[in-house]
Protein backbone atom coordinates (compact mmCIF):
# COMPACT_ATOMS: atom_id res chain seq x y z
CA MET A 1 142.33 103.70 17.52
CA THR A 2 140.19 103.48 14.38
CA ARG A 3 136.78 104.48 15.64
CA ARG A 4 135.33 106.65 18.42
CA ILE A 5 131.71 106.46 19.50
CA PHE A 6 130.05 109.09 21.66
CA ILE A 7 126.72 108.26 23.26
CA VAL A 8 124.98 111.48 24.31
CA ARG A 9 121.89 111.97 26.43
CA HIS A 10 119.63 114.82 25.38
CA GLY A 11 119.45 117.99 27.45
CA ASN A 12 117.02 118.88 30.23
CA THR A 13 113.30 118.83 29.55
CA PHE A 14 112.42 120.37 32.93
CA GLU A 15 113.84 123.47 34.51
CA SER A 16 115.63 123.35 37.86
CA GLY A 17 113.14 123.27 40.69
CA ALA A 18 110.39 121.66 38.61
CA GLN A 19 108.98 118.41 39.96
CA ALA A 20 110.92 115.47 38.48
CA ARG A 21 108.69 113.12 36.47
CA ARG A 22 109.32 109.86 34.58
CA ILE A 23 109.24 110.90 30.94
CA GLY A 24 109.68 108.25 28.27
CA ALA A 25 108.58 107.37 24.77
CA GLY A 26 104.99 108.40 25.45
CA THR A 27 105.85 112.06 26.06
CA ASP A 28 107.44 113.99 23.20
CA ILE A 29 108.45 117.35 24.64
CA ALA A 30 111.00 119.96 23.67
CA LEU A 31 114.13 120.90 25.56
CA ALA A 32 113.75 123.37 28.40
CA ALA A 33 115.89 126.53 28.25
CA SER A 34 118.50 124.81 30.44
CA GLY A 35 118.44 121.81 28.08
CA GLU A 36 119.05 124.10 25.12
CA ALA A 37 122.06 125.50 26.99
CA GLN A 38 123.33 121.96 27.65
CA ALA A 39 122.96 121.12 23.95
CA GLU A 40 124.86 124.29 23.04
CA ARG A 41 127.67 123.31 25.44
CA LEU A 42 127.81 119.83 23.92
CA GLY A 43 127.97 121.36 20.45
CA ALA A 44 130.77 123.72 21.44
CA TRP A 45 132.70 120.87 23.06
CA PHE A 46 132.44 118.64 19.99
CA ALA A 47 133.35 121.53 17.67
CA ASP A 48 136.48 122.08 19.78
CA GLN A 49 137.72 118.48 19.48
CA PRO A 50 140.52 117.52 17.05
CA PHE A 51 138.57 114.73 15.35
CA THR A 52 136.31 114.71 12.32
CA ILE A 53 132.73 113.63 12.88
CA ARG A 54 131.67 110.86 10.53
CA HIS A 55 128.01 110.50 11.56
CA ILE A 56 125.48 112.09 13.88
CA PHE A 57 122.53 109.86 14.68
CA SER A 58 119.58 110.66 16.92
CA GLY A 59 116.59 109.05 18.50
CA PRO A 60 113.26 110.21 17.04
CA LEU A 61 111.91 112.20 20.01
CA LEU A 62 112.02 115.99 19.80
CA ARG A 63 114.37 116.40 22.79
CA ALA A 64 116.96 114.09 21.21
CA ARG A 65 116.57 115.67 17.76
CA GLU A 66 116.99 119.20 19.15
CA THR A 67 120.15 118.17 21.00
CA ALA A 68 121.59 116.40 17.95
CA GLU A 69 120.78 119.33 15.66
CA ARG A 70 122.56 121.78 17.96
CA ILE A 71 125.63 119.53 18.08
CA GLY A 72 125.51 119.27 14.30
CA ALA A 73 125.11 123.02 13.81
CA ALA A 74 128.15 123.74 15.98
CA SER A 75 130.16 121.13 14.07
CA GLY A 76 129.03 122.16 10.60
CA ARG A 77 127.15 118.89 10.03
CA SER A 78 123.57 117.80 9.69
CA VAL A 79 122.05 114.83 11.47
CA ASP A 80 122.48 111.73 9.30
CA ALA A 81 119.43 109.80 10.48
CA PHE A 82 116.84 109.44 13.24
CA LEU A 83 117.12 105.81 14.33
CA PRO A 84 114.12 104.07 15.93
CA TRP A 85 116.28 101.87 18.16
CA LEU A 86 117.58 105.01 19.87
CA GLN A 87 114.02 105.74 21.03
CA GLU A 88 113.37 106.22 24.73
CA ILE A 89 111.78 103.37 26.67
CA ASP A 90 108.11 103.21 27.62
CA HIS A 91 107.52 103.67 31.36
CA GLY A 92 104.06 102.14 31.16
CA LEU A 93 101.98 103.00 34.23
CA ASP A 94 104.71 105.36 35.46
CA GLU A 95 104.80 107.56 32.35
CA GLY A 96 104.55 111.20 33.38
CA ARG A 97 104.21 110.44 37.09
CA PRO A 98 106.26 112.31 39.69
CA GLU A 99 109.41 110.42 40.63
CA ALA A 100 108.38 110.12 44.27
CA GLU A 101 105.16 108.36 43.21
CA VAL A 102 107.10 106.00 40.96
CA VAL A 103 109.46 105.04 43.77
CA ALA A 104 106.51 104.56 46.13
CA ARG A 105 104.80 102.29 43.59
CA ILE A 106 107.72 100.08 42.48
CA GLY A 107 110.25 100.56 45.30
CA ALA A 108 113.78 101.91 45.53
CA GLN A 109 115.24 98.44 44.82
CA ALA A 110 113.52 98.38 41.42
CA ILE A 111 115.02 101.77 40.54
CA ALA A 112 118.46 100.55 41.70
CA ALA A 113 118.14 97.41 39.55
CA TRP A 114 117.23 99.57 36.55
CA ASP A 115 120.11 102.01 37.06
CA GLY A 116 122.68 99.35 37.94
CA GLN A 117 121.73 96.36 35.78
CA ALA A 118 119.15 97.59 33.21
CA ILE A 119 116.53 95.31 34.77
CA ALA A 120 113.24 97.06 34.09
CA PRO A 121 110.25 96.99 36.42
CA PRO A 122 107.54 94.60 35.15
CA ASP A 123 105.23 97.30 33.76
CA TRP A 124 107.90 99.10 31.74
CA ARG A 125 108.36 98.19 28.08
CA VAL A 126 112.03 98.41 27.18
CA ASP A 127 112.49 95.72 24.48
CA ALA A 128 115.83 94.88 26.09
CA GLN A 129 116.85 92.04 23.75
CA GLU A 130 115.99 94.05 20.62
CA ARG A 131 117.92 97.05 21.92
CA ILE A 132 120.95 94.95 22.82
CA ALA A 133 120.87 93.35 19.36
CA ALA A 134 120.62 96.78 17.68
CA TRP A 135 123.62 98.10 19.64
CA ARG A 136 125.61 94.98 18.76
CA ARG A 137 124.77 95.38 15.05
CA TYR A 138 125.86 98.99 15.21
CA PHE A 139 129.16 98.15 16.94
CA ALA A 140 129.84 95.39 14.40
CA ASP A 141 129.40 97.71 11.42
CA GLY A 142 133.01 98.82 11.61
CA GLY A 143 134.43 101.81 9.81
CA GLN A 144 136.68 104.59 10.94
CA GLY A 145 136.12 108.02 12.37
CA THR A 146 133.86 109.45 15.04
CA ASP A 147 130.14 108.84 15.47
CA ILE A 148 127.79 110.70 17.81
CA LEU A 149 124.57 109.03 18.88
CA VAL A 150 122.06 111.22 20.74
CA THR A 151 119.48 109.31 22.70
CA SER A 152 117.86 108.94 26.09
CA ASN A 153 118.97 107.57 29.41
CA GLY A 154 116.77 104.49 28.97
CA ALA A 155 118.23 103.57 25.58
CA ALA A 156 121.87 104.54 26.22
CA ARG A 157 122.42 102.04 29.04
CA PHE A 158 121.88 99.11 26.68
CA ALA A 159 125.08 100.00 24.81
CA LEU A 160 127.05 99.06 27.91
CA VAL A 161 124.91 95.96 28.48
CA ALA A 162 125.49 94.88 24.86
CA LEU A 163 129.24 95.13 25.37
CA GLY A 164 129.26 93.55 28.83
CA LEU A 165 130.76 96.69 30.35
CA PRO A 166 129.36 96.88 33.88
CA LEU A 167 129.39 100.10 35.87
CA ALA A 168 128.09 100.94 39.31
CA SER A 169 125.47 103.04 37.53
CA LEU A 170 124.48 102.77 33.87
CA LYS A 171 122.70 106.11 34.08
CA LEU A 172 123.65 109.13 31.96
CA ARG A 173 122.62 112.53 33.26
CA THR A 174 120.98 114.99 30.89
CA GLY A 175 123.56 116.73 28.72
CA ALA A 176 126.19 114.09 29.52
CA LEU A 177 128.05 111.66 27.29
CA GLY A 178 129.92 108.40 27.23
CA GLU A 179 132.87 107.63 24.98
CA LEU A 180 133.82 104.26 23.53
CA ALA A 181 137.00 103.52 21.59
CA VAL A 182 137.13 100.73 19.03
CA GLU A 183 140.71 99.58 18.59
CA ALA A 184 142.21 98.16 15.38
CA ASP A 185 141.75 94.61 16.70
CA GLY A 186 138.02 95.24 17.27
CA GLU A 187 138.33 95.50 21.05
CA ILE A 188 135.93 98.12 22.46
CA ALA A 189 136.95 100.08 25.55
CA LEU A 190 134.93 102.49 27.64
CA ARG A 191 136.90 105.74 27.94
CA ARG A 192 134.39 107.68 30.04
CA TRP A 193 130.74 107.67 31.09
CA ASP A 194 128.43 110.38 32.40
CA PHE A 195 130.84 113.18 31.45
CA ARG A 196 129.33 116.63 31.15
CA PRO A 197 131.32 119.13 29.07
């Protein structure tokens, strides 16, 4: 194996018991205390691994940056860059709305299509083709070592779509990660998805 890629979803932005809302690119909020704890656990887990981190990249929103910075601090590294293509999606009319209202408006089938196939509801702006192209460019860059990319649930799923790696659910929970291995022949394999340290 010449390259390892970890795709990490930022930590919680709402505390347990708070009403779940659709939060995307239009809402730049900090991690909740539980999200800070998730980021600390991620950092400790990465610091405990036997590999050397080559790069840490992050999406530009505060919650992704805070998670990436905590991982970097635990690993003795700074974040290399904040990449715009790791930005969260735009939920359009559903931005900031309670999840129950979103489901009532667009239907459970639309949510299932988003989580299972990355098919966005009509009012959401996800720039799917641009995101898939950005992931493919990143995967084609080559190199050796371990990269960590901290992003959102909406952006992370397009890595799997770009590689044609279907799963029953493309969703990453907050504070969870996926791991890809790039073999010497360029073959990319999914090692795990939605793993929480």
